[in-house]
Amino acid sequence: MPSYEISQRPDAAEPPLPCRFERYLFNEPRHLRSQQGEGVQTFFLVNPKSNCIDARLSVFIQENEAISPLRATFGGVEFAENVPSDALLTVFTAAEHWAIEQKLTAIRLTQWPNAYAPGPADRLHQLLIERNYNVLFTEQNQHLSLNKPFEAGLHESARRRLVKAQRAGFTFQRWPTPDWAFVHAYVLAARQRKGHPMTLSASQLAQLSVDFPDEVQVFTVRDGEAIAALGVTVRVNARILYHFYPADAADYQAFSPAVLLTKGLYDWGRARGIQLLDLGISSVRGVPNEGLIRFKQNLGAQVSEKWSFEKKLDGVIN
């Protein structure tokens, strides 16, 4: 095994060398900077033999804890699949030492959904448990694999809703220059109707579109000029599209335009080489929303776990 080294850098620094792992937008320096947190610190695992980065972990200081992410759907560690476990653990050792030096009391990490990379996710779970991290909660995340026609995975009830919207003349389209104030108000109304919190303000959502014009997009289902449903998406990387904010109008619930919206995103992504459409979590702090889980399953979605870990720090690394 090569003698790995830790490169520790503040202020959401760019990787000092090429990375050998799959990179996700939420852990990229430009997204870390957009999270607007204090004390961000990144730990790179350097493989001197290949002159590459084999793992990275970025954490923020919030109150008395080191957390990853600060404002994103996930953060955590990214790593090359063949990196030795002993080397990978040195990343956590370095982060824990740093956190103790900052007089922090815990480290909390939210990892990417297991479906993104099942083998590495399971391996990391085992390593962190062995290192005295506890699972805070396990979210139920759902996704669609874009490896067959959308209709092939539909439950009959969802198929009927799709046909109903199509026969009504509804159309799916990308909104190239969205009115972000309208988008926020539309999503907010839908989430309030369903009892879900709004995680971004109107200005924060608009700023995302400025910071990530190629990754953040809006798609709509329209009845003529009226918007029956819309979705805000985030391109996590070349193969993953995350449906961040799905929303529909109360007046169109009888048509279930969300089914046509999902088909549109599925077909749009598949035509562009996207392999996975992430539909997000269907639970809150581990408590499942059975109705939402069933709705996504009727679309053909599969469930995978999304873990959040915590380790209490008492000044001793173990």
Protein backbone atom coordinates (compact mmCIF):
# COMPACT_ATOMS: atom_id res chain seq x y z
CA MET A 1 0.00 0.00 0.00
CA PRO A 2 1.43 3.43 -0.89
CA SER A 3 2.11 5.88 1.90
CA TYR A 4 -0.95 8.09 1.73
CA GLU A 5 -0.87 11.70 2.88
CA ILE A 6 -3.52 14.12 4.12
CA SER A 7 -3.73 17.56 2.57
CA GLN A 8 -5.84 19.80 4.79
CA ARG A 9 -7.10 23.05 3.25
CA PRO A 10 -9.48 25.79 4.42
CA ASP A 11 -11.97 27.93 2.50
CA ALA A 12 -13.39 25.32 0.10
CA ALA A 13 -10.12 24.92 -1.80
CA GLU A 14 -9.93 23.28 -5.21
CA PRO A 15 -8.44 19.76 -5.25
CA PRO A 16 -4.66 20.13 -5.48
CA LEU A 17 -4.41 17.10 -7.80
CA PRO A 18 -6.73 15.10 -10.11
CA CYS A 19 -9.40 13.08 -8.31
CA ARG A 20 -9.87 9.34 -8.86
CA PHE A 21 -13.43 9.16 -7.49
CA GLU A 22 -16.83 10.11 -8.85
CA ARG A 23 -17.50 13.74 -7.96
CA TYR A 24 -20.87 15.14 -6.90
CA LEU A 25 -21.87 18.79 -7.24
CA PHE A 26 -22.68 19.26 -3.55
CA ASN A 27 -19.07 18.52 -2.55
CA GLU A 28 -17.47 20.69 -5.21
CA PRO A 29 -15.70 23.85 -3.97
CA ARG A 30 -18.06 26.16 -5.86
CA HIS A 31 -21.08 24.59 -4.15
CA LEU A 32 -19.36 24.58 -0.76
CA ARG A 33 -18.79 28.31 -1.15
CA SER A 34 -22.46 28.82 -2.01
CA GLN A 35 -23.49 27.18 1.28
CA GLN A 36 -22.22 30.33 3.00
CA GLY A 37 -20.89 28.73 6.14
CA GLU A 38 -18.07 29.57 8.51
CA GLY A 39 -14.99 27.49 9.07
CA VAL A 40 -15.25 25.14 6.09
CA GLN A 41 -12.33 22.72 6.03
CA THR A 42 -11.52 20.11 3.36
CA PHE A 43 -9.40 17.00 3.88
CA PHE A 44 -7.86 15.41 0.79
CA LEU A 45 -6.37 11.91 0.78
CA VAL A 46 -3.32 12.10 -1.50
CA ASN A 47 -1.91 9.01 -3.18
CA PRO A 48 1.74 9.93 -3.91
CA LYS A 49 2.21 6.88 -6.14
CA SER A 50 -0.49 7.97 -8.62
CA ASN A 51 -0.21 11.69 -7.78
CA CYS A 52 -4.00 11.79 -7.41
CA ILE A 53 -6.62 12.47 -4.76
CA ASP A 54 -8.27 9.24 -3.59
CA ALA A 55 -10.80 10.77 -1.16
CA ARG A 56 -12.12 14.10 0.12
CA LEU A 57 -14.27 15.29 2.99
CA SER A 58 -15.43 18.87 3.66
CA VAL A 59 -16.96 19.98 6.95
CA PHE A 60 -18.39 23.23 8.27
CA ILE A 61 -18.52 24.56 11.81
CA GLN A 62 -22.06 25.04 13.05
CA GLU A 63 -22.40 25.97 16.71
CA ASN A 64 -20.27 23.31 18.45
CA GLU A 65 -20.23 20.68 15.73
CA ALA A 66 -18.48 19.85 12.47
CA ILE A 67 -21.15 19.06 9.88
CA SER A 68 -21.30 17.99 6.26
CA PRO A 69 -23.18 19.44 4.47
CA LEU A 70 -24.28 22.82 5.78
CA ARG A 71 -26.94 23.63 3.15
CA ALA A 72 -27.28 20.80 0.64
CA THR A 73 -29.07 17.49 0.33
CA PHE A 74 -25.88 15.58 1.19
CA GLY A 75 -22.17 16.01 1.75
CA GLY A 76 -20.00 13.38 3.39
CA VAL A 77 -16.93 11.69 1.98
CA GLU A 78 -16.21 10.76 -1.63
CA PHE A 79 -13.56 8.13 -2.33
CA ALA A 80 -12.06 5.84 -4.94
CA GLU A 81 -13.53 2.36 -4.76
CA ASN A 82 -10.16 0.60 -4.43
CA VAL A 83 -8.68 2.88 -1.76
CA PRO A 84 -7.57 0.74 1.23
CA SER A 85 -9.78 1.00 4.28
CA ASP A 86 -6.87 1.99 6.53
CA ALA A 87 -6.06 4.89 4.22
CA LEU A 88 -9.69 5.99 4.01
CA LEU A 89 -9.96 6.03 7.80
CA THR A 90 -7.07 8.51 8.00
CA VAL A 91 -9.40 11.09 6.44
CA PHE A 92 -11.76 10.74 9.40
CA THR A 93 -8.86 10.73 11.86
CA ALA A 94 -7.63 14.03 10.42
CA ALA A 95 -11.13 15.56 10.53
CA GLU A 96 -11.64 14.41 14.12
CA HIS A 97 -8.27 15.82 15.25
CA TRP A 98 -9.12 19.14 13.60
CA ALA A 99 -12.57 19.21 15.19
CA ILE A 100 -11.12 18.58 18.64
CA GLU A 101 -8.59 21.38 18.09
CA GLN A 102 -11.55 23.65 17.31
CA LYS A 103 -13.18 22.49 20.60
CA LEU A 104 -16.12 20.95 18.74
CA THR A 105 -18.23 18.28 20.38
CA ALA A 106 -19.31 16.11 17.44
CA ILE A 107 -19.04 15.34 13.73
CA ARG A 108 -22.22 14.82 11.68
CA LEU A 109 -22.14 13.54 8.10
CA THR A 110 -24.99 13.00 5.63
CA GLN A 111 -23.92 10.68 2.84
CA TRP A 112 -25.21 10.43 -0.72
CA PRO A 113 -28.08 7.98 -1.28
CA ASN A 114 -26.83 4.40 -1.43
CA ALA A 115 -28.21 3.99 -4.95
CA TYR A 116 -25.53 6.35 -6.28
CA ALA A 117 -22.83 3.78 -5.48
CA PRO A 118 -24.19 0.80 -3.48
CA GLY A 119 -20.92 -1.06 -2.85
CA PRO A 120 -18.96 1.95 -1.55
CA ALA A 121 -21.95 3.09 0.51
CA ASP A 122 -22.22 -0.24 2.32
CA ARG A 123 -18.47 -0.37 2.84
CA LEU A 124 -18.41 3.13 4.29
CA HIS A 125 -21.31 2.30 6.62
CA GLN A 126 -19.36 -0.60 8.07
CA LEU A 127 -16.16 1.42 8.46
CA LEU A 128 -17.90 4.29 10.25
CA ILE A 129 -19.75 1.99 12.62
CA GLU A 130 -16.42 0.34 13.48
CA ARG A 131 -15.02 3.82 14.11
CA ASN A 132 -17.76 4.56 16.69
CA TYR A 133 -20.01 6.64 14.47
CA ASN A 134 -23.71 6.14 15.13
CA VAL A 135 -26.48 6.25 12.54
CA LEU A 136 -28.56 9.30 13.50
CA PHE A 137 -31.35 8.33 11.12
CA THR A 138 -31.91 6.45 7.89
CA GLU A 139 -33.90 8.23 5.22
CA GLN A 140 -35.86 6.37 2.56
CA ASN A 141 -34.60 7.76 -0.75
CA GLN A 142 -36.23 6.81 -4.05
CA HIS A 143 -34.91 6.82 -7.59
CA LEU A 144 -35.56 5.68 -11.12
CA SER A 145 -32.92 3.86 -13.16
CA LEU A 146 -33.18 5.17 -16.72
CA ASN A 147 -32.46 1.83 -18.40
CA LYS A 148 -35.82 1.11 -20.08
CA PRO A 149 -38.83 3.04 -21.41
CA PHE A 150 -40.58 4.98 -18.64
CA GLU A 151 -43.93 3.27 -19.20
CA ALA A 152 -42.39 -0.16 -18.60
CA GLY A 153 -42.06 0.53 -14.88
CA LEU A 154 -45.44 2.17 -14.27
CA HIS A 155 -48.12 0.75 -12.05
CA GLU A 156 -51.48 0.55 -13.83
CA SER A 157 -52.93 3.38 -11.73
CA ALA A 158 -50.04 5.69 -12.70
CA ARG A 159 -50.40 4.65 -16.33
CA ARG A 160 -54.06 5.73 -16.29
CA ARG A 161 -53.10 9.13 -14.86
CA LEU A 162 -50.42 9.57 -17.50
CA VAL A 163 -52.86 8.80 -20.31
CA LYS A 164 -55.44 11.16 -18.79
CA ALA A 165 -52.99 14.08 -18.78
CA GLN A 166 -51.82 13.29 -22.31
CA ARG A 167 -55.37 13.11 -23.64
CA ALA A 168 -56.12 16.46 -22.00
CA GLY A 169 -53.38 17.94 -24.16
CA PHE A 170 -50.88 18.69 -21.40
CA THR A 171 -47.31 19.22 -22.61
CA PHE A 172 -43.90 18.83 -20.97
CA GLN A 173 -41.17 21.37 -21.64
CA ARG A 174 -38.02 22.88 -20.23
CA TRP A 175 -38.44 26.48 -19.07
CA PRO A 176 -35.22 28.11 -20.34
CA THR A 177 -35.66 31.50 -18.62
CA PRO A 178 -37.84 30.89 -15.58
CA ASP A 179 -39.38 33.59 -13.41
CA TRP A 180 -37.73 32.52 -10.17
CA ALA A 181 -40.06 34.51 -7.94
CA PHE A 182 -43.00 32.70 -9.57
CA VAL A 183 -41.23 29.33 -9.28
CA HIS A 184 -40.59 29.83 -5.58
CA ALA A 185 -44.17 30.95 -4.88
CA TYR A 186 -45.53 27.99 -6.88
CA VAL A 187 -43.37 25.45 -5.03
CA LEU A 188 -44.11 27.08 -1.67
CA ALA A 189 -47.87 26.85 -2.23
CA ALA A 190 -47.64 23.18 -3.17
CA ARG A 191 -45.45 22.32 -0.18
CA GLN A 192 -47.66 24.22 2.25
CA ARG A 193 -50.68 22.37 0.91
CA LYS A 194 -48.95 19.06 1.63
CA GLY A 195 -47.46 20.11 4.96
CA HIS A 196 -43.83 20.13 3.79
CA PRO A 197 -41.34 22.85 4.80
CA MET A 198 -39.70 25.13 2.23
CA THR A 199 -35.94 24.76 2.56
CA LEU A 200 -34.86 27.79 0.49
CA SER A 201 -36.00 31.40 0.42
CA ALA A 202 -36.91 33.05 -2.87
CA SER A 203 -33.56 34.86 -2.98
CA GLN A 204 -31.61 31.67 -2.19
CA LEU A 205 -33.36 29.75 -4.96
CA ALA A 206 -32.74 32.54 -7.45
CA GLN A 207 -29.08 32.69 -6.41
CA LEU A 208 -28.71 28.96 -7.07
CA SER A 209 -29.74 29.59 -10.67
CA VAL A 210 -27.07 32.30 -10.91
CA ASP A 211 -24.34 30.19 -9.29
CA PHE A 212 -25.20 26.99 -11.20
CA PRO A 213 -26.84 27.99 -14.50
CA ASP A 214 -25.93 24.70 -16.19
CA GLU A 215 -26.95 22.44 -13.31
CA VAL A 216 -30.17 24.03 -11.97
CA GLN A 217 -33.12 23.97 -14.36
CA VAL A 218 -36.91 24.19 -14.34
CA PHE A 219 -39.31 21.95 -16.25
CA THR A 220 -43.06 22.36 -16.56
CA VAL A 221 -46.22 20.52 -17.49
CA ARG A 222 -48.59 23.01 -19.13
CA ASP A 223 -52.26 23.13 -19.96
CA GLY A 224 -52.01 25.71 -22.70
CA GLU A 225 -50.29 28.61 -20.94
CA ALA A 226 -51.30 27.47 -17.43
CA ILE A 227 -48.70 25.55 -15.41
CA ALA A 228 -50.21 22.34 -14.04
CA ALA A 229 -46.92 21.14 -12.50
CA LEU A 230 -43.29 22.12 -12.39
CA GLY A 231 -40.03 20.70 -11.14
CA VAL A 232 -36.69 22.24 -10.21
CA THR A 233 -33.85 19.87 -10.99
CA VAL A 234 -30.15 19.75 -10.11
CA ARG A 235 -27.60 17.97 -12.30
CA VAL A 236 -25.51 16.23 -9.62
CA ASN A 237 -23.01 15.02 -12.22
CA ALA A 238 -22.96 13.55 -15.72
CA ARG A 239 -25.01 10.49 -14.80
CA ILE A 240 -27.34 11.71 -12.01
CA LEU A 241 -30.26 14.15 -12.13
CA TYR A 242 -31.90 15.15 -8.84
CA HIS A 243 -35.57 16.23 -8.87
CA PHE A 244 -35.16 18.80 -6.14
CA TYR A 245 -38.50 20.64 -5.97
CA PRO A 246 -41.51 18.87 -7.53
CA ALA A 247 -44.77 20.85 -7.33
CA ASP A 248 -48.26 20.84 -8.79
CA ALA A 249 -51.27 23.16 -8.74
CA ALA A 250 -54.27 22.37 -6.55
CA ASP A 251 -56.63 22.90 -9.49
CA TYR A 252 -55.00 20.06 -11.46
CA GLN A 253 -54.83 17.30 -8.88
CA ALA A 254 -57.49 15.29 -10.72
CA PHE A 255 -55.01 14.91 -13.61
CA SER A 256 -51.96 13.99 -11.48
CA PRO A 257 -49.64 16.04 -13.73
CA ALA A 258 -46.69 14.93 -11.61
CA VAL A 259 -46.75 11.62 -13.51
CA LEU A 260 -46.33 13.38 -16.86
CA LEU A 261 -43.67 15.63 -15.30
CA THR A 262 -41.71 12.58 -14.15
CA LYS A 263 -42.01 10.96 -17.58
CA GLY A 264 -40.71 14.15 -19.16
CA LEU A 265 -37.70 14.28 -16.85
CA TYR A 266 -37.08 10.58 -17.39
CA ASP A 267 -37.11 10.86 -21.18
CA TRP A 268 -35.15 14.15 -21.17
CA GLY A 269 -32.46 12.63 -18.97
CA ARG A 270 -32.28 9.33 -20.81
CA ALA A 271 -31.74 11.15 -24.11
CA ARG A 272 -28.74 12.91 -22.54
CA GLY A 273 -27.04 9.88 -21.05
CA ILE A 274 -28.32 10.31 -17.51
CA GLN A 275 -28.57 6.96 -15.76
CA LEU A 276 -30.34 7.78 -12.49
CA LEU A 277 -33.21 10.15 -11.68
CA ASP A 278 -33.11 10.86 -7.95
CA LEU A 279 -36.64 11.56 -6.67
CA GLY A 280 -35.43 12.49 -3.19
CA ILE A 281 -36.31 11.27 0.27
CA SER A 282 -39.74 10.02 1.28
CA SER A 283 -39.16 10.30 5.01
CA VAL A 284 -38.31 12.96 7.57
CA ARG A 285 -35.56 12.15 10.05
CA GLY A 286 -36.19 8.48 9.38
CA VAL A 287 -39.99 8.56 9.72
CA PRO A 288 -41.44 7.30 6.41
CA ASN A 289 -44.18 9.08 4.48
CA GLU A 290 -46.05 6.00 3.31
CA GLY A 291 -48.25 7.88 0.84
CA LEU A 292 -45.26 9.49 -0.86
CA ILE A 293 -43.36 6.21 -0.93
CA ARG A 294 -46.32 4.50 -2.59
CA PHE A 295 -46.76 7.29 -5.16
CA LYS A 296 -43.12 7.05 -6.22
CA GLN A 297 -43.24 3.24 -6.27
CA ASN A 298 -46.18 3.49 -8.65
CA LEU A 299 -43.87 5.48 -10.93
CA GLY A 300 -41.47 2.53 -10.88
CA ALA A 301 -39.12 3.98 -8.26
CA GLN A 302 -36.83 1.87 -6.11
CA VAL A 303 -35.92 2.61 -2.50
CA SER A 304 -32.39 3.00 -1.20
CA GLU A 305 -31.13 4.14 2.16
CA LYS A 306 -29.52 7.49 2.85
CA TRP A 307 -27.59 7.53 6.11
CA SER A 308 -26.71 10.36 8.45
CA PHE A 309 -23.89 9.58 10.89
CA GLU A 310 -22.69 11.23 14.09
CA LYS A 311 -19.67 10.76 16.32
CA LYS A 312 -19.42 12.44 19.70
CA LEU A 313 -15.97 13.85 20.42
CA ASP A 314 -14.60 13.78 23.94
CA GLY A 315 -11.05 14.83 23.14
CA VAL A 316 -9.87 11.28 22.51
CA ILE A 317 -9.57 9.81 18.99
CA ASN A 318 -10.67 6.18 18.76
